[in-house]
Amino acid sequence: MTAEPEVRELPAPRKRDADYVFYELTRSICPACRRVIDAYVLLRDGKVYLRKTCPDHGRFEALVYGDAQAYVANARYNKPGTLPLRFTTEVAQGCPHDCGLCPQHQQHTCLGIIEVNSACNMDCPLCFANAGAGFSLTLDEVERILDHLLETEGSPEIVQFSGGEPSIHPQIISMLRAAKQRGIPHVMLNTNGKRIAHDDAFLTQLAELRPSIYLQFDGFERETSRALRGEPDILPEKLRALDRLAAIGCHVILVPAVERGVNEHEVGRIVRFALEHPAVRGVNFQPAFHAGRFGAHDPLQRITIPDVLRLIEVQTEGLFRRSDFVPVPCCFPTCNSVTYAYVEGQTVLPLPRILNVGEYLDYLANRILPDLSGELRRALEGLWSSSVAPGSDRAAEQFRLSCAACRLPGEPDLRALAERMFMVMLQDFMDPWTFNQKNVMKCCKEILLPDGKQIPFCAYNSVGYREQARVQLAARQRARAQAQRDGLPFDPAPLSFRFGQQDTAGT
């Protein structure tokens, strides 16, 4: 008799949990071809990641925020957008291909940026503008840009002149003056400081106009300067420029790019130096983003705003703490974080330690605070904005109103308060690895182009606008020069942008 075969029960298959929390679906771009694709925002191991798959180039993943809890909690600081007086472009291909601003955009221009040239007197290994030969705007083009900004904004608060290196443009002083003449209260020059350090005539002209200076300043060590700027011995020039700016009464914001493994350890020293230098009114730390020109990097290891906040707290020994910083509500709240401090002698008193700023800027909480919709909240919104210029009378007045109930030491007048007001801001820009369409739709920092287009900064640098604009502006410049040689009128065609895999890759 044949034995029955033994029947073994196989273990039931076991389901497993994903190692992440699926937080939301958004749209992003492929870093290789710039195609717009779906992307997943994932919470994993206490951090926030963006995952996306291109049908041609495969899967990409990048770290976007180093603190998942803060990322989720910061949603309460998302202020209702303020729309411009009018939009410039129509919706045709959909975001991010219709900039701008198009009617899908959810915020007006807090900070307008005019790149007056593409050339530079440095060749930095890290340069989102990929500065080099290309174009140089005319004064007439810049004046048209400014006039259009007035049409869309009514009373713009701040405009920044950038490049390339704008200080080497032969008409930069006339451009700064044109902005001042149009009543724009805060005119800013974004510069590496080289010309300021050596050109006495230029310094005299700056003394007359006194723009705010946005000064590239990455740290103090030779290796930092070599890795980020290609010039290990650049620090003496930076310090000379700062001292010369102090002598003429120009206010300065230091702008360090913070790169993983390069200058993280210098963050606290930069803050302490800024507090002590008479020209400096604040620091704007910018975690390095990888658009334009950059070296090898791992998008899963990039440095983010929460990482820099931790570094500031540790390296300043609590002079500034993570709890002192509140997201900027006018853009998407994880893009910016800022604090302001009252500084007198050795006293450094961050405003959020004497006033619960976060409660007043919480737009989701179901509760009513005293004066929630009144003067105090408006003052805080004015300070926690991309349109503020530390050290200005307007910023000082908002700071005074914010501290009206705090009884600051000595109750200084407005001018003295402006001198004692200090800002620390963190600004995280997106690149092709971290690009999130949701964020770009509420961007309030726009690149302003000669034909009136206003393009969100991260879209301009990531999607393909910069490459196409540079080619067309250079061609326009050559055509204008030829027309002048031939004695013919010149009527420039408007800039046009085409989006397909090849076009948006900038090839």
Protein backbone atom coordinates (compact mmCIF):
# COMPACT_ATOMS: atom_id res chain seq x y z
CA MET A 1 0.00 0.00 0.00
CA THR A 2 1.44 3.35 -1.07
CA ALA A 3 1.91 5.88 1.71
CA GLU A 4 0.07 9.17 1.39
CA PRO A 5 2.47 12.07 0.74
CA GLU A 6 2.96 14.32 3.74
CA VAL A 7 1.15 17.61 3.37
CA ARG A 8 3.03 20.56 4.81
CA GLU A 9 1.28 23.81 5.51
CA LEU A 10 3.17 26.73 4.02
CA PRO A 11 3.34 29.81 6.20
CA ALA A 12 0.84 32.44 5.12
CA PRO A 13 2.49 35.35 3.37
CA ARG A 14 2.94 38.31 5.66
CA LYS A 15 2.24 41.85 4.59
CA ARG A 16 4.82 44.44 5.50
CA ASP A 17 4.58 48.13 6.20
CA ALA A 18 6.42 50.63 4.05
CA ASP A 19 9.39 52.27 5.72
CA TYR A 20 7.89 55.70 5.11
CA VAL A 21 4.67 57.67 5.52
CA PHE A 22 3.15 58.82 2.23
CA TYR A 23 2.41 62.47 3.02
CA GLU A 24 1.24 64.01 -0.24
CA LEU A 25 1.30 63.89 -4.02
CA THR A 26 2.74 66.84 -5.94
CA ARG A 27 4.38 67.58 -9.27
CA SER A 28 8.11 67.92 -9.88
CA ILE A 29 10.57 67.62 -12.77
CA CYS A 30 13.06 65.02 -13.93
CA PRO A 31 16.60 66.26 -13.12
CA ALA A 32 17.83 64.79 -16.42
CA CYS A 33 15.26 66.00 -18.96
CA ARG A 34 13.12 68.52 -16.98
CA ARG A 35 9.89 66.72 -17.90
CA VAL A 36 7.09 67.49 -15.44
CA ILE A 37 6.26 64.30 -13.52
CA ASP A 38 4.36 63.18 -10.43
CA ALA A 39 6.29 63.18 -7.17
CA TYR A 40 5.65 61.79 -3.70
CA VAL A 41 6.46 63.63 -0.50
CA LEU A 42 7.54 60.95 1.99
CA LEU A 43 8.24 61.14 5.73
CA ARG A 44 10.98 58.70 6.74
CA ASP A 45 13.30 58.47 9.74
CA GLY A 46 12.20 61.89 10.95
CA LYS A 47 13.01 63.62 7.64
CA VAL A 48 11.17 64.59 4.46
CA TYR A 49 12.06 63.21 1.04
CA LEU A 50 10.83 63.76 -2.51
CA ARG A 51 10.58 60.65 -4.72
CA LYS A 52 9.75 60.70 -8.44
CA THR A 53 10.12 58.48 -11.49
CA CYS A 54 10.78 59.62 -15.04
CA PRO A 55 9.70 57.10 -17.73
CA ASP A 56 13.01 57.68 -19.53
CA HIS A 57 15.52 58.26 -16.74
CA GLY A 58 14.24 56.23 -13.82
CA ARG A 59 13.72 57.00 -10.14
CA PHE A 60 15.14 59.95 -8.22
CA GLU A 61 14.97 60.71 -4.54
CA ALA A 62 16.16 63.75 -2.61
CA LEU A 63 16.12 65.07 0.94
CA VAL A 64 14.00 68.22 1.11
CA TYR A 65 13.66 68.93 4.86
CA GLY A 66 15.64 67.59 7.77
CA ASP A 67 12.78 67.64 10.31
CA ALA A 68 9.52 65.88 9.39
CA GLN A 69 7.68 67.08 12.49
CA ALA A 70 8.52 70.73 11.76
CA TYR A 71 7.63 70.28 8.08
CA VAL A 72 4.11 69.15 8.98
CA ALA A 73 3.65 71.68 11.79
CA ASN A 74 4.80 74.61 9.65
CA ALA A 75 1.66 74.36 7.51
CA ARG A 76 -0.10 76.62 10.02
CA TYR A 77 2.09 79.54 8.90
CA ASN A 78 0.79 79.41 5.32
CA LYS A 79 -0.64 82.91 4.88
CA PRO A 80 -3.38 83.51 2.29
CA GLY A 81 -1.69 84.83 -0.84
CA THR A 82 -1.86 88.46 -1.95
CA LEU A 83 -2.41 88.63 -5.70
CA PRO A 84 -0.70 91.15 -7.98
CA LEU A 85 -2.68 94.01 -9.52
CA ARG A 86 -2.55 92.15 -12.82
CA PHE A 87 -1.07 89.03 -14.34
CA THR A 88 1.25 89.13 -17.34
CA THR A 89 0.89 85.71 -19.00
CA GLU A 90 -1.97 83.31 -19.65
CA VAL A 91 -2.38 79.67 -18.65
CA ALA A 92 -1.48 77.53 -21.65
CA GLN A 93 0.78 74.58 -20.77
CA GLY A 94 0.22 74.64 -17.02
CA CYS A 95 2.60 75.20 -14.12
CA PRO A 96 5.58 75.58 -14.26
CA HIS A 97 5.58 76.43 -17.98
CA ASP A 98 3.45 79.61 -18.05
CA CYS A 99 5.48 82.01 -15.89
CA GLY A 100 4.63 84.87 -15.43
CA LEU A 101 3.08 85.63 -13.48
CA CYS A 102 0.12 83.60 -14.70
CA PRO A 103 -3.32 83.48 -13.02
CA GLN A 104 -2.49 80.11 -11.41
CA HIS A 105 0.19 81.79 -9.29
CA GLN A 106 -0.84 82.26 -5.66
CA GLN A 107 1.34 85.17 -4.52
CA HIS A 108 2.49 88.56 -5.70
CA THR A 109 6.12 89.64 -6.02
CA CYS A 110 7.54 90.50 -2.60
CA LEU A 111 11.10 90.68 -3.95
CA GLY A 112 11.81 91.49 -7.59
CA ILE A 113 15.25 90.44 -8.86
CA ILE A 114 16.81 92.02 -11.95
CA GLU A 115 19.81 90.16 -13.36
CA VAL A 116 21.53 92.97 -15.24
CA ASN A 117 24.24 90.78 -16.77
CA SER A 118 25.49 87.23 -16.96
CA ALA A 119 29.22 88.05 -16.72
CA CYS A 120 31.18 87.91 -13.48
CA ASN A 121 34.66 88.78 -12.18
CA MET A 122 34.81 85.41 -10.40
CA ASP A 123 34.46 81.80 -11.53
CA CYS A 124 32.86 80.11 -8.54
CA PRO A 125 32.58 76.31 -8.50
CA LEU A 126 29.14 76.84 -6.93
CA CYS A 127 27.06 79.29 -9.01
CA PHE A 128 23.34 78.85 -9.62
CA ALA A 129 23.51 81.53 -12.35
CA ASN A 130 26.33 79.68 -14.14
CA ALA A 131 27.86 83.11 -14.63
CA GLY A 132 29.85 83.75 -17.79
CA ALA A 133 29.66 85.39 -21.19
CA GLY A 134 26.15 86.09 -22.40
CA PHE A 135 24.19 89.32 -22.08
CA SER A 136 24.20 92.75 -20.49
CA LEU A 137 20.91 94.63 -20.13
CA THR A 138 20.65 98.27 -21.16
CA LEU A 139 19.46 101.02 -18.86
CA ASP A 140 16.36 101.37 -21.04
CA GLU A 141 15.54 97.68 -20.56
CA VAL A 142 15.94 97.97 -16.79
CA GLU A 143 13.72 101.05 -16.68
CA ARG A 144 11.01 99.15 -18.56
CA ILE A 145 11.34 96.29 -16.07
CA LEU A 146 10.92 98.72 -13.17
CA ASP A 147 7.90 100.41 -14.79
CA HIS A 148 6.22 97.05 -15.33
CA LEU A 149 6.90 96.12 -11.71
CA LEU A 150 5.09 99.28 -10.64
CA GLU A 151 2.17 98.33 -12.87
CA THR A 152 1.78 94.89 -11.32
CA GLU A 153 2.65 95.79 -7.72
CA GLY A 154 1.52 99.40 -7.34
CA SER A 155 4.03 100.15 -4.59
CA PRO A 156 6.77 97.51 -4.64
CA GLU A 157 8.81 97.40 -1.45
CA ILE A 158 12.13 96.02 -2.62
CA VAL A 159 14.07 95.30 -5.80
CA GLN A 160 17.42 93.53 -5.98
CA PHE A 161 20.02 94.01 -8.70
CA SER A 162 21.90 90.79 -9.37
CA GLY A 163 23.84 89.00 -12.10
CA GLY A 164 26.40 87.61 -12.96
CA GLU A 165 28.16 90.26 -10.91
CA PRO A 166 26.05 93.42 -11.21
CA SER A 167 28.70 95.78 -9.86
CA ILE A 168 30.78 95.35 -13.03
CA HIS A 169 27.92 96.53 -15.27
CA PRO A 170 28.95 99.97 -16.61
CA GLN A 171 25.47 101.42 -15.92
CA ILE A 172 24.77 99.82 -12.54
CA ILE A 173 24.75 103.15 -10.67
CA SER A 174 22.23 104.59 -13.15
CA MET A 175 20.11 101.45 -12.69
CA LEU A 176 20.16 101.77 -8.91
CA ARG A 177 19.24 105.43 -9.27
CA ALA A 178 16.37 104.59 -11.63
CA ALA A 179 14.86 102.32 -8.97
CA LYS A 180 15.25 105.01 -6.30
CA GLN A 181 13.64 107.61 -8.59
CA ARG A 182 10.56 105.41 -8.93
CA GLY A 183 9.98 105.50 -5.21
CA ILE A 184 11.02 101.92 -4.48
CA PRO A 185 12.11 102.29 -0.86
CA HIS A 186 14.56 99.39 -0.62
CA VAL A 187 17.06 98.99 -3.46
CA MET A 188 19.52 96.13 -3.00
CA LEU A 189 22.80 95.25 -4.70
CA ASN A 190 23.75 91.56 -4.69
CA THR A 191 27.54 91.44 -4.96
CA ASN A 192 30.74 89.54 -4.23
CA GLY A 193 32.27 92.83 -3.00
CA LYS A 194 35.38 92.87 -5.19
CA ARG A 195 34.71 96.23 -6.81
CA ILE A 196 33.62 97.75 -3.51
CA ALA A 197 36.92 96.68 -1.94
CA HIS A 198 39.07 98.49 -4.52
CA ASP A 199 37.16 101.13 -6.52
CA ASP A 200 37.08 104.46 -4.68
CA ALA A 201 34.93 106.20 -7.29
CA PHE A 202 32.37 103.40 -7.15
CA LEU A 203 32.31 103.62 -3.35
CA THR A 204 31.63 107.36 -3.57
CA GLN A 205 28.67 106.70 -5.86
CA LEU A 206 27.32 104.07 -3.48
CA ALA A 207 27.64 106.57 -0.62
CA GLU A 208 25.27 108.89 -2.49
CA LEU A 209 22.61 106.22 -3.18
CA ARG A 210 23.17 103.99 -0.12
CA PRO A 211 21.58 100.81 -1.43
CA SER A 212 21.33 97.78 0.83
CA ILE A 213 24.24 95.44 0.12
CA TYR A 214 23.64 91.69 -0.16
CA LEU A 215 27.21 90.42 0.26
CA GLN A 216 28.42 86.92 -0.61
CA PHE A 217 30.20 85.72 2.56
CA ASP A 218 30.66 81.99 3.06
CA GLY A 219 33.09 81.86 5.97
CA PHE A 220 36.62 82.53 7.11
CA GLU A 221 38.70 79.52 6.17
CA ARG A 222 40.79 79.17 3.01
CA GLU A 223 39.29 75.77 2.21
CA THR A 224 35.77 77.21 2.36
CA SER A 225 36.68 79.94 -0.11
CA ARG A 226 38.50 77.51 -2.36
CA ALA A 227 35.69 74.95 -2.42
CA LEU A 228 32.83 77.38 -2.98
CA ARG A 229 34.47 80.32 -4.77
CA GLY A 230 37.66 78.96 -6.30
CA GLU A 231 39.74 81.65 -4.55
CA PRO A 232 41.24 80.53 -1.22
CA ASP A 233 42.54 83.99 -0.28
CA ILE A 234 39.37 86.02 -0.85
CA LEU A 235 38.63 86.84 2.82
CA PRO A 236 40.79 90.02 3.07
CA GLU A 237 38.84 91.52 0.14
CA LYS A 238 35.55 90.71 1.85
CA LEU A 239 36.66 92.31 5.10
CA ARG A 240 37.98 95.39 3.29
CA ALA A 241 34.67 95.76 1.43
CA LEU A 242 32.74 95.52 4.70
CA ASP A 243 34.87 98.14 6.43
CA ARG A 244 34.51 100.51 3.48
CA LEU A 245 30.73 100.02 3.46
CA ALA A 246 30.61 100.77 7.19
CA ALA A 247 32.49 104.00 6.54
CA ILE A 248 29.82 105.24 4.11
CA GLY A 249 26.85 104.05 6.17
CA CYS A 250 25.64 101.27 3.86
CA HIS A 251 23.76 98.43 5.52
CA VAL A 252 24.85 94.89 4.68
CA ILE A 253 23.28 91.45 4.77
CA LEU A 254 25.86 88.64 4.74
CA VAL A 255 24.86 85.77 2.44
CA PRO A 256 26.63 82.48 3.17
CA ALA A 257 25.97 79.43 1.01
CA VAL A 258 26.16 76.45 3.38
CA GLU A 259 27.37 73.22 1.80
CA ARG A 260 27.51 69.82 3.44
CA GLY A 261 31.09 68.93 4.40
CA VAL A 262 32.48 72.37 3.52
CA ASN A 263 31.52 75.16 5.92
CA GLU A 264 28.89 73.79 8.33
CA HIS A 265 31.31 74.37 11.19
CA GLU A 266 31.55 78.11 10.43
CA VAL A 267 27.87 78.98 10.87
CA GLY A 268 28.12 80.19 14.47
CA ARG A 269 31.26 82.20 13.80
CA ILE A 270 29.54 83.99 10.93
CA VAL A 271 26.62 84.97 13.19
CA ARG A 272 28.93 86.31 15.92
CA PHE A 273 31.03 88.23 13.39
CA ALA A 274 27.90 89.76 11.86
CA LEU A 275 26.65 90.89 15.27
CA GLU A 276 29.92 92.71 15.91
CA HIS A 277 30.51 94.41 12.55
CA PRO A 278 29.06 97.95 12.34
CA ALA A 279 27.88 97.59 8.72
CA VAL A 280 26.04 94.28 9.09
CA ARG A 281 22.31 94.18 9.84
CA GLY A 282 21.77 90.47 9.35
CA VAL A 283 22.73 87.13 7.85
CA ASN A 284 20.82 85.17 5.20
CA PHE A 285 22.01 81.56 5.27
CA GLN A 286 21.28 79.68 2.06
CA PRO A 287 21.69 75.88 2.09
CA ALA A 288 23.50 75.07 -1.15
CA PHE A 289 21.20 74.08 -3.98
CA HIS A 290 22.39 72.40 -7.12
CA ALA A 291 21.33 74.33 -10.19
CA GLY A 292 23.57 76.05 -12.71
CA ARG A 293 27.19 75.24 -11.85
CA PHE A 294 28.01 72.86 -9.02
CA GLY A 295 30.24 69.93 -8.13
CA ALA A 296 29.49 66.34 -7.24
CA HIS A 297 26.73 66.04 -4.66
CA ASP A 298 24.40 63.47 -3.12
CA PRO A 299 20.79 64.74 -3.12
CA LEU A 300 20.05 62.46 -0.17
CA GLN A 301 22.70 64.18 1.96
CA ARG A 302 22.04 67.86 1.20
CA ILE A 303 21.88 70.33 4.06
CA THR A 304 18.46 71.84 4.85
CA ILE A 305 16.97 74.60 6.99
CA PRO A 306 16.50 72.44 10.14
CA ASP A 307 20.14 71.33 9.88
CA VAL A 308 21.36 74.94 9.80
CA LEU A 309 19.06 75.88 12.70
CA ARG A 310 20.64 73.14 14.82
CA LEU A 311 24.11 74.36 13.86
CA ILE A 312 23.25 77.95 14.80
CA GLU A 313 21.96 76.90 18.23
CA VAL A 314 24.96 74.70 19.04
CA GLN A 315 27.66 76.94 17.61
CA THR A 316 26.32 80.18 19.17
CA GLU A 317 25.83 78.34 22.49
CA GLY A 318 22.15 79.25 22.56
CA LEU A 319 22.59 82.91 21.59
CA PHE A 320 20.01 81.99 18.95
CA ARG A 321 17.88 78.88 19.44
CA ARG A 322 15.78 76.86 17.03
CA SER A 323 12.69 78.08 18.89
CA ASP A 324 13.61 81.69 18.01
CA PHE A 325 12.89 81.07 14.32
CA VAL A 326 9.45 81.26 12.70
CA PRO A 327 8.67 80.39 9.05
CA VAL A 328 7.98 83.22 6.62
CA PRO A 329 4.26 83.00 5.79
CA CYS A 330 4.13 84.87 2.46
CA CYS A 331 5.86 82.02 0.59
CA PHE A 332 5.48 78.32 1.35
CA PRO A 333 6.47 78.04 5.05
CA THR A 334 9.27 75.50 4.58
CA CYS A 335 11.13 77.79 2.15
CA ASN A 336 12.15 80.46 4.69
CA SER A 337 12.64 80.84 8.41
CA VAL A 338 13.65 84.04 10.19
CA THR A 339 14.14 85.73 13.52
CA TYR A 340 14.88 89.29 14.64
CA ALA A 341 16.81 90.34 17.71
CA TYR A 342 17.29 93.53 19.68
CA VAL A 343 21.02 94.06 20.12
CA GLU A 344 22.60 96.44 22.61
CA GLY A 345 26.14 95.85 23.77
CA GLN A 346 26.35 92.22 24.82
CA THR A 347 22.56 91.90 24.95
CA VAL A 348 21.07 89.84 22.11
CA LEU A 349 17.33 89.45 22.66
CA PRO A 350 15.41 87.54 19.94
CA LEU A 351 11.89 88.93 19.51
CA PRO A 352 10.13 85.52 19.83
CA ARG A 353 11.42 85.24 23.42
CA ILE A 354 9.38 88.27 24.50
CA LEU A 355 6.42 87.92 22.11
CA ASN A 356 4.72 84.72 20.93
CA VAL A 357 5.23 85.49 17.25
CA GLY A 358 4.16 82.01 16.18
CA GLU A 359 0.66 82.42 17.62
CA TYR A 360 0.07 85.66 15.76
CA LEU A 361 1.26 84.15 12.47
CA ASP A 362 -0.74 80.93 12.88
CA TYR A 363 -3.37 81.03 10.11
CA LEU A 364 -5.01 77.67 10.87
CA ALA A 365 -5.64 77.71 14.62
CA ASN A 366 -9.29 77.94 15.62
CA ARG A 367 -8.89 80.60 18.28
CA ILE A 368 -8.92 84.37 18.65
CA LEU A 369 -5.98 86.25 20.09
CA PRO A 370 -6.04 89.86 21.28
CA ASP A 371 -5.33 92.21 18.37
CA LEU A 372 -5.09 89.20 16.04
CA SER A 373 -6.28 91.15 13.00
CA GLY A 374 -4.97 94.50 14.12
CA GLU A 375 -1.82 96.56 14.17
CA LEU A 376 0.39 94.01 15.91
CA ARG A 377 -0.34 91.21 13.48
CA ARG A 378 0.21 93.53 10.51
CA ALA A 379 3.55 94.58 11.97
CA LEU A 380 4.63 90.96 12.40
CA GLU A 381 3.52 90.13 8.87
CA GLY A 382 5.61 93.06 7.66
CA LEU A 383 8.68 91.74 9.48
CA TRP A 384 8.14 88.08 8.59
CA SER A 385 8.15 88.85 4.87
CA SER A 386 10.56 88.61 1.96
CA SER A 387 10.07 92.34 1.36
CA VAL A 388 11.70 93.52 4.58
CA ALA A 389 15.07 95.31 4.62
CA PRO A 390 16.74 95.13 8.06
CA GLY A 391 17.98 98.49 9.28
CA SER A 392 15.43 100.46 7.24
CA ASP A 393 13.03 102.89 8.89
CA ARG A 394 10.05 100.77 7.79
CA ALA A 395 11.52 97.62 9.32
CA ALA A 396 12.39 99.50 12.50
CA GLU A 397 8.82 100.83 12.79
CA GLN A 398 7.39 97.33 12.40
CA PHE A 399 9.90 96.07 14.95
CA ARG A 400 8.87 98.88 17.35
CA LEU A 401 5.17 98.07 16.95
CA SER A 402 5.90 94.38 17.50
CA CYS A 403 7.70 95.19 20.74
CA ALA A 404 5.34 97.93 21.92
CA ALA A 405 4.19 95.83 24.87
CA CYS A 406 7.64 94.35 25.55
CA ARG A 407 9.28 97.43 27.10
CA LEU A 408 12.62 97.17 25.38
CA PRO A 409 15.60 98.44 27.38
CA GLY A 410 15.87 102.22 27.14
CA GLU A 411 12.88 102.56 24.75
CA PRO A 412 15.10 103.84 21.89
CA ASP A 413 13.87 106.14 19.15
CA LEU A 414 13.22 104.78 15.67
CA ARG A 415 16.68 105.47 14.24
CA ALA A 416 18.42 103.94 17.24
CA LEU A 417 16.09 100.95 17.03
CA ALA A 418 16.99 100.46 13.36
CA GLU A 419 20.66 100.35 14.36
CA ARG A 420 19.97 97.73 17.05
CA MET A 421 17.76 95.46 14.96
CA PHE A 422 19.43 92.27 13.72
CA MET A 423 18.04 89.56 11.42
CA VAL A 424 19.00 85.94 10.89
CA MET A 425 17.20 84.33 7.95
CA LEU A 426 17.41 80.93 6.31
CA GLN A 427 16.37 80.61 2.66
CA ASP A 428 16.22 77.19 1.00
CA PHE A 429 15.90 77.32 -2.79
CA MET A 430 14.81 74.32 -4.86
CA ASP A 431 16.82 72.63 -7.60
CA PRO A 432 15.87 69.97 -10.19
CA TRP A 433 16.15 67.25 -7.52
CA THR A 434 13.98 68.99 -4.89
CA PHE A 435 11.63 70.98 -7.15
CA ASN A 436 8.04 70.99 -5.84
CA GLN A 437 5.34 72.59 -7.96
CA LYS A 438 3.25 73.39 -4.88
CA ASN A 439 6.04 75.54 -3.46
CA VAL A 440 6.78 77.35 -6.69
CA MET A 441 3.12 78.34 -7.11
CA LYS A 442 3.41 80.49 -3.96
CA CYS A 443 6.92 81.82 -4.60
CA CYS A 444 7.24 85.55 -3.87
CA LYS A 445 10.78 86.05 -5.23
CA GLU A 446 10.65 86.66 -8.96
CA ILE A 447 13.24 87.16 -11.69
CA LEU A 448 12.10 90.21 -13.69
CA LEU A 449 12.73 90.10 -17.44
CA PRO A 450 12.77 92.94 -20.00
CA ASP A 451 9.50 91.97 -21.70
CA GLY A 452 7.57 92.07 -18.42
CA LYS A 453 7.69 88.40 -17.45
CA GLN A 454 8.14 87.71 -13.74
CA ILE A 455 9.37 84.16 -13.19
CA PRO A 456 9.59 82.50 -9.76
CA PHE A 457 13.22 82.16 -8.75
CA CYS A 458 13.25 78.36 -8.38
CA ALA A 459 11.40 77.83 -11.67
CA TYR A 460 13.84 80.15 -13.44
CA ASN A 461 16.83 78.17 -12.19
CA SER A 462 15.44 74.64 -12.45
CA VAL A 463 12.95 74.25 -15.28
CA GLY A 464 14.84 75.76 -18.22
CA TYR A 465 13.91 79.46 -18.25
CA ARG A 466 17.41 80.66 -17.39
CA GLU A 467 19.10 78.84 -20.26
CA GLN A 468 16.57 80.00 -22.83
CA ALA A 469 16.48 83.60 -21.57
CA ARG A 470 20.27 83.82 -21.65
CA VAL A 471 20.44 82.66 -25.27
CA GLN A 472 17.70 85.08 -26.35
CA LEU A 473 19.04 88.06 -24.41
CA ALA A 474 22.51 87.50 -25.88
CA ALA A 475 21.03 87.29 -29.39
CA ARG A 476 19.02 90.46 -28.75
CA GLN A 477 22.17 92.27 -27.65
CA ARG A 478 24.01 91.27 -30.83
CA ALA A 479 21.07 92.30 -33.01
CA ARG A 480 20.85 95.68 -31.29
CA ALA A 481 24.54 96.32 -31.81
CA GLN A 482 24.24 95.40 -35.49
CA ALA A 483 21.25 97.69 -35.94
CA GLN A 484 23.21 100.55 -34.37
CA ARG A 485 26.12 99.94 -36.72
CA ASP A 486 23.76 99.92 -39.69
CA GLY A 487 21.89 103.00 -38.51
CA LEU A 488 18.61 101.09 -38.33
CA PRO A 489 15.88 101.11 -35.68
CA PHE A 490 15.79 98.13 -33.35
CA ASP A 491 12.53 96.58 -32.15
CA PRO A 492 13.27 93.53 -29.94
CA ALA A 493 11.00 90.52 -30.15
CA PRO A 494 9.53 89.37 -26.82
CA LEU A 495 11.19 86.49 -25.05
CA SER A 496 9.57 83.14 -25.76
CA PHE A 497 9.99 79.85 -23.94
CA ARG A 498 9.50 76.38 -25.38
CA PHE A 499 9.29 73.32 -23.21
CA GLY A 500 10.14 69.83 -24.28
CA GLN A 501 12.79 67.43 -23.10
CA GLN A 502 15.57 68.89 -25.22
CA ASP A 503 14.60 72.55 -24.81
CA THR A 504 14.23 72.53 -21.03
CA ALA A 505 17.53 70.72 -20.56
CA GLY A 506 19.17 73.83 -21.97
CA THR A 507 20.96 72.01 -24.77
